[in-house]
Full PDB file with SEQRES, HELIX, SHEET, SSBOND, CRYST1, ORIGX, SCALE, CONECT and MASTER records, all heavy atoms in Angstrom:
SEQRES   1 A   37  LEU GLU THR VAL ALA GLU THR PHE VAL GLU GLN THR LYS          
SEQRES   2 A   37  PRO ASP LEU GLU LEU ILE ALA GLN GLU CYS ASP ASP PRO          
SEQRES   3 A   37  GLN LEU MET ALA ASP ALA PHE SER ASP PHE LEU                  
HELIX    1 AA1 GLU A    2  THR A    7  1                                   6    
HELIX    2 AA2 PHE A    8  THR A   12  3                                   5    
HELIX    3 AA3 LYS A   13  CYS A   23  1                                  11    
HELIX    4 AA4 GLN A   27  PHE A   36  1                                  10    
CRYST1    1.000    1.000    1.000  90.00  90.00  90.00 P 1           1          
ORIGX1      1.000000  0.000000  0.000000        0.00000                         
ORIGX2      0.000000  1.000000  0.000000        0.00000                         
ORIGX3      0.000000  0.000000  1.000000        0.00000                         
SCALE1      1.000000  0.000000  0.000000        0.00000                         
SCALE2      0.000000  1.000000  0.000000        0.00000                         
SCALE3      0.000000  0.000000  1.000000        0.00000                         
ATOM      1  N   LEU A   1       0.755  -1.227  -0.012  1.00  0.00           N  
ATOM      2  CA  LEU A   1       0.001   0.013   0.006  1.00  0.00           C  
ATOM      3  C   LEU A   1       0.840   1.222  -0.011  1.00  0.00           C  
ATOM      4  O   LEU A   1       0.641   2.196  -0.726  1.00  0.00           O  
ATOM      5  CB  LEU A   1      -0.993  -0.034   1.284  1.00  0.00           C  
ATOM      6  CG  LEU A   1      -1.873   1.249   1.403  1.00  0.00           C  
ATOM      7  CD1 LEU A   1      -2.780   1.378   0.102  1.00  0.00           C  
ATOM      8  CD2 LEU A   1      -2.652   1.120   2.537  1.00  0.00           C  
ATOM      9  N   GLU A   2       1.972   1.220   0.726  1.00  0.00           N  
ATOM     10  CA  GLU A   2       2.853   2.473   0.823  1.00  0.00           C  
ATOM     11  C   GLU A   2       3.437   2.637  -0.617  1.00  0.00           C  
ATOM     12  O   GLU A   2       3.473   3.832  -1.025  1.00  0.00           O  
ATOM     13  CB  GLU A   2       4.007   2.011   1.818  1.00  0.00           C  
ATOM     14  CG  GLU A   2       4.925   3.229   2.077  1.00  0.00           C  
ATOM     15  CD  GLU A   2       5.980   2.921   3.240  1.00  0.00           C  
ATOM     16  OE1 GLU A   2       5.583   2.519   4.190  1.00  0.00           O  
ATOM     17  OE2 GLU A   2       7.088   3.281   2.869  1.00  0.00           O  
ATOM     18  N   THR A   3       3.912   1.589  -1.154  1.00  0.00           N  
ATOM     19  CA  THR A   3       4.571   1.715  -2.549  1.00  0.00           C  
ATOM     20  C   THR A   3       3.569   2.267  -3.592  1.00  0.00           C  
ATOM     21  O   THR A   3       3.782   3.181  -4.342  1.00  0.00           O  
ATOM     22  CB  THR A   3       5.155   0.435  -2.998  1.00  0.00           C  
ATOM     23  OG1 THR A   3       6.058   0.049  -2.098  1.00  0.00           O  
ATOM     24  CG2 THR A   3       5.772   0.579  -4.439  1.00  0.00           C  
ATOM     25  N   VAL A   4       2.290   1.625  -3.614  1.00  0.00           N  
ATOM     26  CA  VAL A   4       1.268   2.060  -4.589  1.00  0.00           C  
ATOM     27  C   VAL A   4       0.882   3.571  -4.240  1.00  0.00           C  
ATOM     28  O   VAL A   4       0.764   4.409  -5.284  1.00  0.00           O  
ATOM     29  CB  VAL A   4       0.088   1.025  -4.566  1.00  0.00           C  
ATOM     30  CG1 VAL A   4      -1.019   1.670  -5.307  1.00  0.00           C  
ATOM     31  CG2 VAL A   4       0.439  -0.244  -5.050  1.00  0.00           C  
ATOM     32  N   ALA A   5       0.720   3.862  -2.984  1.00  0.00           N  
ATOM     33  CA  ALA A   5       0.238   5.164  -2.663  1.00  0.00           C  
ATOM     34  C   ALA A   5       1.301   6.245  -3.089  1.00  0.00           C  
ATOM     35  O   ALA A   5       0.958   7.262  -3.635  1.00  0.00           O  
ATOM     36  CB  ALA A   5      -0.015   5.325  -1.118  1.00  0.00           C  
ATOM     37  N   GLU A   6       2.559   6.049  -2.849  1.00  0.00           N  
ATOM     38  CA  GLU A   6       3.642   6.857  -3.265  1.00  0.00           C  
ATOM     39  C   GLU A   6       3.702   7.105  -4.698  1.00  0.00           C  
ATOM     40  O   GLU A   6       3.768   8.146  -5.203  1.00  0.00           O  
ATOM     41  CB  GLU A   6       5.000   6.388  -2.723  1.00  0.00           C  
ATOM     42  CG  GLU A   6       5.259   6.550  -1.316  1.00  0.00           C  
ATOM     43  CD  GLU A   6       6.539   5.794  -0.797  1.00  0.00           C  
ATOM     44  OE1 GLU A   6       7.343   5.388  -1.601  1.00  0.00           O  
ATOM     45  OE2 GLU A   6       6.732   6.031   0.471  1.00  0.00           O  
ATOM     46  N   THR A   7       3.593   5.967  -5.466  1.00  0.00           N  
ATOM     47  CA  THR A   7       3.602   5.933  -6.958  1.00  0.00           C  
ATOM     48  C   THR A   7       2.414   6.764  -7.382  1.00  0.00           C  
ATOM     49  O   THR A   7       2.510   7.595  -8.358  1.00  0.00           O  
ATOM     50  CB  THR A   7       3.618   4.564  -7.528  1.00  0.00           C  
ATOM     51  OG1 THR A   7       4.814   3.849  -7.000  1.00  0.00           O  
ATOM     52  CG2 THR A   7       3.788   4.646  -9.113  1.00  0.00           C  
ATOM     53  N   PHE A   8       1.231   6.467  -6.876  1.00  0.00           N  
ATOM     54  CA  PHE A   8       0.143   7.223  -7.300  1.00  0.00           C  
ATOM     55  C   PHE A   8       0.199   8.688  -7.033  1.00  0.00           C  
ATOM     56  O   PHE A   8      -0.002   9.564  -8.009  1.00  0.00           O  
ATOM     57  CB  PHE A   8      -1.195   6.656  -6.513  1.00  0.00           C  
ATOM     58  CG  PHE A   8      -2.444   7.457  -6.879  1.00  0.00           C  
ATOM     59  CD1 PHE A   8      -3.149   7.175  -8.139  1.00  0.00           C  
ATOM     60  CD2 PHE A   8      -2.863   8.469  -6.123  1.00  0.00           C  
ATOM     61  CE1 PHE A   8      -4.293   7.856  -8.468  1.00  0.00           C  
ATOM     62  CE2 PHE A   8      -4.091   9.081  -6.392  1.00  0.00           C  
ATOM     63  CZ  PHE A   8      -4.648   8.896  -7.663  1.00  0.00           C  
ATOM     64  N   VAL A   9       0.667   9.165  -5.848  1.00  0.00           N  
ATOM     65  CA  VAL A   9       0.774  10.592  -5.586  1.00  0.00           C  
ATOM     66  C   VAL A   9       1.752  11.204  -6.415  1.00  0.00           C  
ATOM     67  O   VAL A   9       1.485  12.344  -6.767  1.00  0.00           O  
ATOM     68  CB  VAL A   9       1.012  10.827  -4.026  1.00  0.00           C  
ATOM     69  CG1 VAL A   9       1.364  12.217  -3.618  1.00  0.00           C  
ATOM     70  CG2 VAL A   9      -0.293  10.367  -3.265  1.00  0.00           C  
ATOM     71  N   GLU A  10       2.862  10.541  -6.643  1.00  0.00           N  
ATOM     72  CA  GLU A  10       4.032  11.169  -7.379  1.00  0.00           C  
ATOM     73  C   GLU A  10       3.859  11.273  -8.875  1.00  0.00           C  
ATOM     74  O   GLU A  10       4.215  12.148  -9.541  1.00  0.00           O  
ATOM     75  CB  GLU A  10       5.365  10.503  -7.022  1.00  0.00           C  
ATOM     76  CG  GLU A  10       5.764  10.685  -5.710  1.00  0.00           C  
ATOM     77  CD  GLU A  10       6.864   9.849  -5.200  1.00  0.00           C  
ATOM     78  OE1 GLU A  10       7.534   9.023  -6.066  1.00  0.00           O  
ATOM     79  OE2 GLU A  10       7.306   9.798  -4.134  1.00  0.00           O  
ATOM     80  N   GLN A  11       3.130  10.149  -9.393  1.00  0.00           N  
ATOM     81  CA  GLN A  11       3.105  10.089 -10.780  1.00  0.00           C  
ATOM     82  C   GLN A  11       1.556  10.142 -11.472  1.00  0.00           C  
ATOM     83  O   GLN A  11       1.365  10.947 -12.458  1.00  0.00           O  
ATOM     84  CB  GLN A  11       3.704   8.735 -11.348  1.00  0.00           C  
ATOM     85  CG  GLN A  11       5.097   8.740 -11.081  1.00  0.00           C  
ATOM     86  CD  GLN A  11       5.875   7.484 -11.444  1.00  0.00           C  
ATOM     87  OE1 GLN A  11       5.198   6.660 -12.259  1.00  0.00           O  
ATOM     88  NE2 GLN A  11       6.898   7.056 -10.984  1.00  0.00           N  
ATOM     89  N   THR A  12       0.689   9.364 -10.931  1.00  0.00           N  
ATOM     90  CA  THR A  12      -0.634   9.243 -11.499  1.00  0.00           C  
ATOM     91  C   THR A  12      -1.450  10.487 -11.200  1.00  0.00           C  
ATOM     92  O   THR A  12      -2.192  10.984 -11.989  1.00  0.00           O  
ATOM     93  CB  THR A  12      -1.248   8.035 -11.043  1.00  0.00           C  
ATOM     94  OG1 THR A  12      -0.343   6.846 -11.310  1.00  0.00           O  
ATOM     95  CG2 THR A  12      -2.607   7.701 -11.774  1.00  0.00           C  
ATOM     96  N   LYS A  13      -1.531  10.820  -9.889  1.00  0.00           N  
ATOM     97  CA  LYS A  13      -2.372  11.932  -9.533  1.00  0.00           C  
ATOM     98  C   LYS A  13      -2.085  13.147 -10.172  1.00  0.00           C  
ATOM     99  O   LYS A  13      -3.120  13.911 -10.671  1.00  0.00           O  
ATOM    100  CB  LYS A  13      -2.256  12.060  -7.916  1.00  0.00           C  
ATOM    101  CG  LYS A  13      -3.109  13.148  -7.434  1.00  0.00           C  
ATOM    102  CD  LYS A  13      -2.951  13.246  -5.887  1.00  0.00           C  
ATOM    103  CE  LYS A  13      -3.851  14.520  -5.482  1.00  0.00           C  
ATOM    104  NZ  LYS A  13      -3.553  14.755  -3.999  1.00  0.00           N  
ATOM    105  N   PRO A  14      -0.773  13.830 -10.409  1.00  0.00           N  
ATOM    106  CA  PRO A  14      -0.647  14.940 -11.165  1.00  0.00           C  
ATOM    107  C   PRO A  14      -1.161  14.761 -12.534  1.00  0.00           C  
ATOM    108  O   PRO A  14      -1.737  15.759 -13.110  1.00  0.00           O  
ATOM    109  CB  PRO A  14       0.848  14.985 -11.241  1.00  0.00           C  
ATOM    110  CG  PRO A  14       1.377  14.211 -10.049  1.00  0.00           C  
ATOM    111  CD  PRO A  14       0.408  13.116  -9.837  1.00  0.00           C  
ATOM    112  N   ASP A  15      -1.064  13.644 -13.288  1.00  0.00           N  
ATOM    113  CA  ASP A  15      -1.570  13.534 -14.644  1.00  0.00           C  
ATOM    114  C   ASP A  15      -3.159  13.611 -14.597  1.00  0.00           C  
ATOM    115  O   ASP A  15      -3.786  14.323 -15.349  1.00  0.00           O  
ATOM    116  CB  ASP A  15      -1.205  12.123 -15.148  1.00  0.00           C  
ATOM    117  CG  ASP A  15       0.250  12.081 -15.470  1.00  0.00           C  
ATOM    118  OD1 ASP A  15       0.947  13.138 -15.492  1.00  0.00           O  
ATOM    119  OD2 ASP A  15       0.780  11.055 -15.830  1.00  0.00           O  
ATOM    120  N   LEU A  16      -3.731  12.999 -13.577  1.00  0.00           N  
ATOM    121  CA  LEU A  16      -5.207  13.014 -13.518  1.00  0.00           C  
ATOM    122  C   LEU A  16      -5.747  14.504 -13.109  1.00  0.00           C  
ATOM    123  O   LEU A  16      -6.726  14.922 -13.573  1.00  0.00           O  
ATOM    124  CB  LEU A  16      -5.617  12.069 -12.513  1.00  0.00           C  
ATOM    125  CG  LEU A  16      -5.539  10.662 -12.842  1.00  0.00           C  
ATOM    126  CD1 LEU A  16      -5.954   9.667 -11.715  1.00  0.00           C  
ATOM    127  CD2 LEU A  16      -6.300  10.271 -14.128  1.00  0.00           C  
ATOM    128  N   GLU A  17      -4.915  15.159 -12.345  1.00  0.00           N  
ATOM    129  CA  GLU A  17      -5.269  16.521 -11.942  1.00  0.00           C  
ATOM    130  C   GLU A  17      -5.278  17.329 -13.130  1.00  0.00           C  
ATOM    131  O   GLU A  17      -6.046  18.302 -13.245  1.00  0.00           O  
ATOM    132  CB  GLU A  17      -4.347  17.105 -10.807  1.00  0.00           C  
ATOM    133  CG  GLU A  17      -4.645  16.444  -9.420  1.00  0.00           C  
ATOM    134  CD  GLU A  17      -3.723  16.829  -8.386  1.00  0.00           C  
ATOM    135  OE1 GLU A  17      -2.623  17.185  -8.690  1.00  0.00           O  
ATOM    136  OE2 GLU A  17      -4.092  16.896  -7.192  1.00  0.00           O  
ATOM    137  N   LEU A  18      -4.275  17.263 -14.095  1.00  0.00           N  
ATOM    138  CA  LEU A  18      -4.196  18.055 -15.180  1.00  0.00           C  
ATOM    139  C   LEU A  18      -5.347  17.822 -16.090  1.00  0.00           C  
ATOM    140  O   LEU A  18      -5.968  18.714 -16.666  1.00  0.00           O  
ATOM    141  CB  LEU A  18      -2.915  17.714 -16.037  1.00  0.00           C  
ATOM    142  CG  LEU A  18      -1.612  18.245 -15.488  1.00  0.00           C  
ATOM    143  CD1 LEU A  18      -0.364  17.693 -16.208  1.00  0.00           C  
ATOM    144  CD2 LEU A  18      -1.702  19.879 -15.481  1.00  0.00           C  
ATOM    145  N   ILE A  19      -5.731  16.557 -16.279  1.00  0.00           N  
ATOM    146  CA  ILE A  19      -6.992  16.284 -17.059  1.00  0.00           C  
ATOM    147  C   ILE A  19      -8.168  16.869 -16.561  1.00  0.00           C  
ATOM    148  O   ILE A  19      -9.012  17.440 -17.114  1.00  0.00           O  
ATOM    149  CB  ILE A  19      -7.151  14.710 -17.202  1.00  0.00           C  
ATOM    150  CG1 ILE A  19      -5.967  14.051 -17.902  1.00  0.00           C  
ATOM    151  CG2 ILE A  19      -8.405  14.322 -17.970  1.00  0.00           C  
ATOM    152  CD1 ILE A  19      -5.877  12.549 -17.694  1.00  0.00           C  
ATOM    153  N   ALA A  20      -8.328  16.806 -15.130  1.00  0.00           N  
ATOM    154  CA  ALA A  20      -9.559  17.308 -14.444  1.00  0.00           C  
ATOM    155  C   ALA A  20      -9.520  18.850 -14.576  1.00  0.00           C  
ATOM    156  O   ALA A  20     -10.549  19.434 -14.865  1.00  0.00           O  
ATOM    157  CB  ALA A  20      -9.555  16.889 -12.959  1.00  0.00           C  
ATOM    158  N   GLN A  21      -8.421  19.502 -14.510  1.00  0.00           N  
ATOM    159  CA  GLN A  21      -8.315  20.943 -14.714  1.00  0.00           C  
ATOM    160  C   GLN A  21      -8.662  21.296 -16.113  1.00  0.00           C  
ATOM    161  O   GLN A  21      -9.414  22.210 -16.282  1.00  0.00           O  
ATOM    162  CB  GLN A  21      -7.007  21.522 -14.256  1.00  0.00           C  
ATOM    163  CG  GLN A  21      -6.612  21.652 -12.879  1.00  0.00           C  
ATOM    164  CD  GLN A  21      -5.326  22.138 -12.624  1.00  0.00           C  
ATOM    165  OE1 GLN A  21      -4.328  21.932 -13.445  1.00  0.00           O  
ATOM    166  NE2 GLN A  21      -5.028  22.853 -11.593  1.00  0.00           N  
ATOM    167  N   GLU A  22      -8.083  20.651 -16.980  1.00  0.00           N  
ATOM    168  CA  GLU A  22      -8.340  21.011 -18.386  1.00  0.00           C  
ATOM    169  C   GLU A  22      -9.778  20.733 -18.816  1.00  0.00           C  
ATOM    170  O   GLU A  22     -10.312  21.586 -19.555  1.00  0.00           O  
ATOM    171  CB  GLU A  22      -7.441  20.099 -19.359  1.00  0.00           C  
ATOM    172  CG  GLU A  22      -7.372  20.521 -20.647  1.00  0.00           C  
ATOM    173  CD  GLU A  22      -6.185  19.876 -21.503  1.00  0.00           C  
ATOM    174  OE1 GLU A  22      -5.393  19.311 -20.940  1.00  0.00           O  
ATOM    175  OE2 GLU A  22      -6.291  20.061 -22.655  1.00  0.00           O  
ATOM    176  N   CYS A  23     -10.486  19.851 -18.244  1.00  0.00           N  
ATOM    177  CA  CYS A  23     -11.878  19.576 -18.449  1.00  0.00           C  
ATOM    178  C   CYS A  23     -12.703  20.230 -17.519  1.00  0.00           C  
ATOM    179  O   CYS A  23     -14.052  20.112 -17.563  1.00  0.00           O  
ATOM    180  CB  CYS A  23     -12.121  18.051 -18.519  1.00  0.00           C  
ATOM    181  SG  CYS A  23     -11.184  17.264 -19.889  1.00  0.00           S  
ATOM    182  N   ASP A  24     -12.294  20.994 -16.487  1.00  0.00           N  
ATOM    183  CA  ASP A  24     -13.060  21.554 -15.483  1.00  0.00           C  
ATOM    184  C   ASP A  24     -13.978  20.608 -14.838  1.00  0.00           C  
ATOM    185  O   ASP A  24     -15.217  20.847 -14.693  1.00  0.00           O  
ATOM    186  CB  ASP A  24     -13.762  22.793 -16.096  1.00  0.00           C  
ATOM    187  CG  ASP A  24     -14.346  23.729 -14.917  1.00  0.00           C  
ATOM    188  OD1 ASP A  24     -13.731  23.663 -13.842  1.00  0.00           O  
ATOM    189  OD2 ASP A  24     -15.420  24.389 -15.225  1.00  0.00           O  
ATOM    190  N   ASP A  25     -13.433  19.399 -14.345  1.00  0.00           N  
ATOM    191  CA  ASP A  25     -14.310  18.415 -13.759  1.00  0.00           C  
ATOM    192  C   ASP A  25     -13.475  17.850 -12.665  1.00  0.00           C  
ATOM    193  O   ASP A  25     -12.820  16.827 -12.797  1.00  0.00           O  
ATOM    194  CB  ASP A  25     -14.618  17.342 -14.806  1.00  0.00           C  
ATOM    195  CG  ASP A  25     -15.540  16.293 -14.309  1.00  0.00           C  
ATOM    196  OD1 ASP A  25     -15.832  16.265 -13.100  1.00  0.00           O  
ATOM    197  OD2 ASP A  25     -15.854  15.387 -15.081  1.00  0.00           O  
ATOM    198  N   PRO A  26     -13.635  18.364 -11.337  1.00  0.00           N  
ATOM    199  CA  PRO A  26     -12.905  17.955 -10.298  1.00  0.00           C  
ATOM    200  C   PRO A  26     -13.249  16.408  -9.862  1.00  0.00           C  
ATOM    201  O   PRO A  26     -12.369  15.780  -9.285  1.00  0.00           O  
ATOM    202  CB  PRO A  26     -13.377  18.888  -9.051  1.00  0.00           C  
ATOM    203  CG  PRO A  26     -14.340  19.827  -9.611  1.00  0.00           C  
ATOM    204  CD  PRO A  26     -14.557  19.565 -11.174  1.00  0.00           C  
ATOM    205  N   GLN A  27     -14.470  15.998 -10.163  1.00  0.00           N  
ATOM    206  CA  GLN A  27     -14.835  14.628  -9.877  1.00  0.00           C  
ATOM    207  C   GLN A  27     -14.172  13.548 -10.756  1.00  0.00           C  
ATOM    208  O   GLN A  27     -14.030  12.380 -10.501  1.00  0.00           O  
ATOM    209  CB  GLN A  27     -16.373  14.432  -9.911  1.00  0.00           C  
ATOM    210  CG  GLN A  27     -16.913  13.146  -9.448  1.00  0.00           C  
ATOM    211  CD  GLN A  27     -16.595  12.892  -7.975  1.00  0.00           C  
ATOM    212  OE1 GLN A  27     -16.509  13.729  -7.168  1.00  0.00           O  
ATOM    213  NE2 GLN A  27     -16.378  11.656  -7.635  1.00  0.00           N  
ATOM    214  N   LEU A  28     -13.695  14.049 -11.858  1.00  0.00           N  
ATOM    215  CA  LEU A  28     -13.060  13.168 -12.797  1.00  0.00           C  
ATOM    216  C   LEU A  28     -11.901  12.218 -12.255  1.00  0.00           C  
ATOM    217  O   LEU A  28     -11.867  11.129 -12.491  1.00  0.00           O  
ATOM    218  CB  LEU A  28     -12.495  14.064 -13.919  1.00  0.00           C  
ATOM    219  CG  LEU A  28     -12.007  13.235 -15.180  1.00  0.00           C  
ATOM    220  CD1 LEU A  28     -12.327  14.062 -16.494  1.00  0.00           C  
ATOM    221  CD2 LEU A  28     -10.397  13.108 -15.136  1.00  0.00           C  
ATOM    222  N   MET A  29     -11.066  12.791 -11.380  1.00  0.00           N  
ATOM    223  CA  MET A  29     -10.025  12.050 -10.742  1.00  0.00           C  
ATOM    224  C   MET A  29     -10.508  10.908  -9.946  1.00  0.00           C  
ATOM    225  O   MET A  29      -9.983   9.768 -10.094  1.00  0.00           O  
ATOM    226  CB  MET A  29      -9.026  13.009  -9.983  1.00  0.00           C  
ATOM    227  CG  MET A  29      -7.740  12.212  -9.702  1.00  0.00           C  
ATOM    228  SD  MET A  29      -6.588  13.370  -8.984  1.00  0.00           S  
ATOM    229  CE  MET A  29      -7.002  13.489  -7.256  1.00  0.00           C  
ATOM    230  N   ALA A  30     -11.482  11.214  -9.066  1.00  0.00           N  
ATOM    231  CA  ALA A  30     -11.984  10.144  -8.236  1.00  0.00           C  
ATOM    232  C   ALA A  30     -12.717   9.027  -8.981  1.00  0.00           C  
ATOM    233  O   ALA A  30     -12.560   7.864  -8.724  1.00  0.00           O  
ATOM    234  CB  ALA A  30     -12.943  10.684  -7.211  1.00  0.00           C  
ATOM    235  N   ASP A  31     -13.433   9.505 -10.102  1.00  0.00           N  
ATOM    236  CA  ASP A  31     -14.079   8.544 -10.882  1.00  0.00           C  
ATOM    237  C   ASP A  31     -13.129   7.605 -11.672  1.00  0.00           C  
ATOM    238  O   ASP A  31     -13.447   6.499 -11.784  1.00  0.00           O  
ATOM    239  CB  ASP A  31     -15.092   9.317 -11.906  1.00  0.00           C  
ATOM    240  CG  ASP A  31     -16.316   9.871 -11.226  1.00  0.00           C  
ATOM    241  OD1 ASP A  31     -16.562   9.586 -10.102  1.00  0.00           O  
ATOM    242  OD2 ASP A  31     -16.916  10.730 -11.819  1.00  0.00           O  
ATOM    243  N   ALA A  32     -12.104   8.282 -12.269  1.00  0.00           N  
ATOM    244  CA  ALA A  32     -11.150   7.483 -13.020  1.00  0.00           C  
ATOM    245  C   ALA A  32     -10.389   6.435 -12.087  1.00  0.00           C  
ATOM    246  O   ALA A  32     -10.182   5.327 -12.458  1.00  0.00           O  
ATOM    247  CB  ALA A  32     -10.153   8.550 -13.607  1.00  0.00           C  
ATOM    248  N   PHE A  33     -10.097   6.853 -10.900  1.00  0.00           N  
ATOM    249  CA  PHE A  33      -9.432   5.967  -9.959  1.00  0.00           C  
ATOM    250  C   PHE A  33     -10.270   4.734  -9.682  1.00  0.00           C  
ATOM    251  O   PHE A  33      -9.933   3.632  -9.560  1.00  0.00           O  
ATOM    252  CB  PHE A  33      -8.852   6.622  -8.765  1.00  0.00           C  
ATOM    253  CG  PHE A  33      -7.935   5.859  -7.886  1.00  0.00           C  
ATOM    254  CD1 PHE A  33      -6.804   5.147  -8.487  1.00  0.00           C  
ATOM    255  CD2 PHE A  33      -8.107   5.607  -6.585  1.00  0.00           C  
ATOM    256  CE1 PHE A  33      -5.978   4.459  -7.746  1.00  0.00           C  
ATOM    257  CE2 PHE A  33      -7.200   4.837  -5.913  1.00  0.00           C  
ATOM    258  CZ  PHE A  33      -6.202   4.237  -6.360  1.00  0.00           C  
ATOM    259  N   SER A  34     -11.649   5.087  -9.233  1.00  0.00           N  
ATOM    260  CA  SER A  34     -12.658   3.971  -8.972  1.00  0.00           C  
ATOM    261  C   SER A  34     -12.758   3.074 -10.156  1.00  0.00           C  
ATOM    262  O   SER A  34     -12.770   1.885  -9.958  1.00  0.00           O  
ATOM    263  CB  SER A  34     -13.921   4.647  -8.610  1.00  0.00           C  
ATOM    264  OG  SER A  34     -13.797   5.330  -7.477  1.00  0.00           O  
ATOM    265  N   ASP A  35     -12.859   3.662 -11.360  1.00  0.00           N  
ATOM    266  CA  ASP A  35     -12.996   2.830 -12.556  1.00  0.00           C  
ATOM    267  C   ASP A  35     -11.757   1.873 -12.696  1.00  0.00           C  
ATOM    268  O   ASP A  35     -11.832   0.730 -13.153  1.00  0.00           O  
ATOM    269  CB  ASP A  35     -13.243   3.708 -13.872  1.00  0.00           C  
ATOM    270  CG  ASP A  35     -14.586   4.300 -13.730  1.00  0.00           C  
ATOM    271  OD1 ASP A  35     -15.536   3.941 -13.042  1.00  0.00           O  
ATOM    272  OD2 ASP A  35     -14.768   5.263 -14.564  1.00  0.00           O  
ATOM    273  N   PHE A  36     -10.577   2.510 -12.557  1.00  0.00           N  
ATOM    274  CA  PHE A  36      -9.337   1.756 -12.646  1.00  0.00           C  
ATOM    275  C   PHE A  36      -9.339   0.501 -11.698  1.00  0.00           C  
ATOM    276  O   PHE A  36      -9.043  -0.553 -12.003  1.00  0.00           O  
ATOM    277  CB  PHE A  36      -8.144   2.602 -12.380  1.00  0.00           C  
ATOM    278  CG  PHE A  36      -6.772   1.813 -12.199  1.00  0.00           C  
ATOM    279  CD1 PHE A  36      -6.240   1.236 -13.373  1.00  0.00           C  
ATOM    280  CD2 PHE A  36      -6.302   1.615 -11.063  1.00  0.00           C  
ATOM    281  CE1 PHE A  36      -5.053   0.646 -13.214  1.00  0.00           C  
ATOM    282  CE2 PHE A  36      -5.007   0.999 -10.835  1.00  0.00           C  
ATOM    283  CZ  PHE A  36      -4.418   0.479 -11.914  1.00  0.00           C  
ATOM    284  N   LEU A  37      -9.712   0.815 -10.344  1.00  0.00           N  
ATOM    285  CA  LEU A  37      -9.689  -0.276  -9.308  1.00  0.00           C  
ATOM    286  C   LEU A  37     -10.813  -1.411  -9.745  1.00  0.00           C  
ATOM    287  O   LEU A  37     -10.442  -2.439  -9.626  1.00  0.00           O  
ATOM    288  CB  LEU A  37      -9.875   0.354  -7.926  1.00  0.00           C  
ATOM    289  CG  LEU A  37      -8.874   1.071  -7.441  1.00  0.00           C  
ATOM    290  CD1 LEU A  37      -9.332   1.928  -6.119  1.00  0.00           C  
ATOM    291  CD2 LEU A  37      -7.592   0.356  -7.141  1.00  0.00           C  
TER     292      LEU A  37                                                      
MASTER        0    0    0    4    0    0    0    6  291    1    0    3          
END                                                                             
């Protein structure tokens, strides 16, 4: 969990935040992560 969380915060989350900002959809990040899981 520690490894996955660090990787997510450092690499995946910034990419998803950029997508959410570009599309003006803050819920997009949570939905994308839930769909991935």
